[in-house]
């Protein structure tokens, strides 16, 4: 087995966008019930339990470096921007 920490930050954070899109669709009703927009819902959840986002990443949160952990929220935020859930101001 390859040592995850020897991989680049990008490799440690290989992200499956399709799985994340499915999670958005599967969880919209929870965000609506809590009267949050989906972006706030996912980012709040990530802040509370970042390991819950493991489903969309190749390696678990506990396996990756501290730098890779710092990048995960940026990846999720960028994905939410790309999907139109966070306005860009453009």
Protein backbone atom coordinates (compact mmCIF):
# COMPACT_ATOMS: atom_id res chain seq x y z
CA UNK A 1 0.00 0.00 0.00
CA UNK A 2 1.25 3.45 -0.95
CA UNK A 3 2.06 5.90 1.83
CA UNK A 4 -0.64 8.53 1.46
CA UNK A 5 1.52 11.20 3.08
CA UNK A 6 4.13 10.83 0.34
CA UNK A 7 1.55 11.91 -2.26
CA UNK A 8 1.04 15.52 -3.30
CA UNK A 9 -1.75 17.55 -1.69
CA UNK A 10 -3.77 17.17 -4.90
CA UNK A 11 -3.31 13.40 -4.92
CA UNK A 12 -4.24 13.12 -1.24
CA UNK A 13 -7.41 15.05 -2.01
CA UNK A 14 -8.53 13.27 -5.15
CA UNK A 15 -12.18 14.31 -5.25
CA UNK A 16 -15.14 12.60 -6.91
CA UNK A 17 -17.41 15.47 -7.99
CA UNK A 18 -20.22 13.13 -9.04
CA UNK A 19 -20.45 11.64 -5.56
CA UNK A 20 -20.59 15.14 -4.10
CA UNK A 21 -23.34 16.18 -6.54
CA UNK A 22 -25.32 13.11 -5.48
CA UNK A 23 -24.84 14.02 -1.82
CA UNK A 24 -26.16 17.51 -2.53
CA UNK A 25 -29.26 16.04 -4.15
CA UNK A 26 -29.71 13.53 -1.34
CA UNK A 27 -29.38 16.16 1.40
CA UNK A 28 -31.25 19.18 0.03
CA UNK A 29 -34.28 18.38 2.14
CA UNK A 30 -32.18 18.39 5.34
CA UNK A 31 -30.89 21.85 4.48
CA UNK A 32 -34.42 23.04 3.78
CA UNK A 33 -35.66 21.59 7.09
CA UNK A 34 -32.95 23.49 8.94
CA UNK A 35 -33.76 26.61 6.87
CA UNK A 36 -30.22 26.80 5.49
CA UNK A 37 -29.05 26.99 1.94
CA UNK A 38 -27.26 23.87 0.79
CA UNK A 39 -23.83 25.53 0.80
CA UNK A 40 -24.15 26.64 4.42
CA UNK A 41 -25.44 23.20 5.35
CA UNK A 42 -22.48 21.35 3.81
CA UNK A 43 -19.85 23.78 5.08
CA UNK A 44 -21.29 23.75 8.60
CA UNK A 45 -21.32 19.97 8.51
CA UNK A 46 -17.72 19.90 7.28
CA UNK A 47 -16.63 22.25 10.09
CA UNK A 48 -18.34 20.03 12.66
CA UNK A 49 -17.15 16.65 11.30
CA UNK A 50 -14.74 16.88 8.37
CA UNK A 51 -14.43 13.10 8.20
CA UNK A 52 -18.08 12.94 7.09
CA UNK A 53 -16.87 14.23 3.71
CA UNK A 54 -14.72 11.13 3.18
CA UNK A 55 -17.30 9.67 0.78
CA UNK A 56 -16.20 12.13 -1.92
CA UNK A 57 -12.45 11.73 -1.41
CA UNK A 58 -10.22 8.79 -2.26
CA UNK A 59 -8.45 8.88 1.10
CA UNK A 60 -10.02 9.37 4.50
CA UNK A 61 -9.57 12.57 6.46
CA UNK A 62 -7.52 10.72 9.09
CA UNK A 63 -5.05 9.42 6.47
CA UNK A 64 -4.05 12.72 4.86
CA UNK A 65 -1.58 15.40 5.90
CA UNK A 66 -2.54 18.54 7.78
CA UNK A 67 -2.00 20.59 4.61
CA UNK A 68 -4.34 18.29 2.69
CA UNK A 69 -6.91 18.65 5.47
CA UNK A 70 -6.71 22.44 5.15
CA UNK A 71 -7.36 22.18 1.41
CA UNK A 72 -10.48 20.01 1.73
CA UNK A 73 -12.77 22.85 2.76
CA UNK A 74 -11.49 24.90 -0.21
CA UNK A 75 -12.29 21.99 -2.53
CA UNK A 76 -15.83 21.67 -1.17
CA UNK A 77 -16.35 25.44 -1.32
CA UNK A 78 -15.12 25.60 -4.91
CA UNK A 79 -17.44 22.75 -5.85
CA UNK A 80 -20.39 24.56 -4.28
CA UNK A 81 -19.44 27.68 -6.27
CA UNK A 82 -19.19 25.67 -9.49
CA UNK A 83 -22.61 24.14 -8.86
CA UNK A 84 -24.10 27.62 -8.30
CA UNK A 85 -24.87 27.31 -4.59
CA UNK A 86 -22.46 30.10 -3.64
CA UNK A 87 -22.62 33.30 -5.68
CA UNK A 88 -19.35 34.50 -7.18
CA UNK A 89 -20.27 38.15 -7.60
CA UNK A 90 -19.80 37.96 -11.37
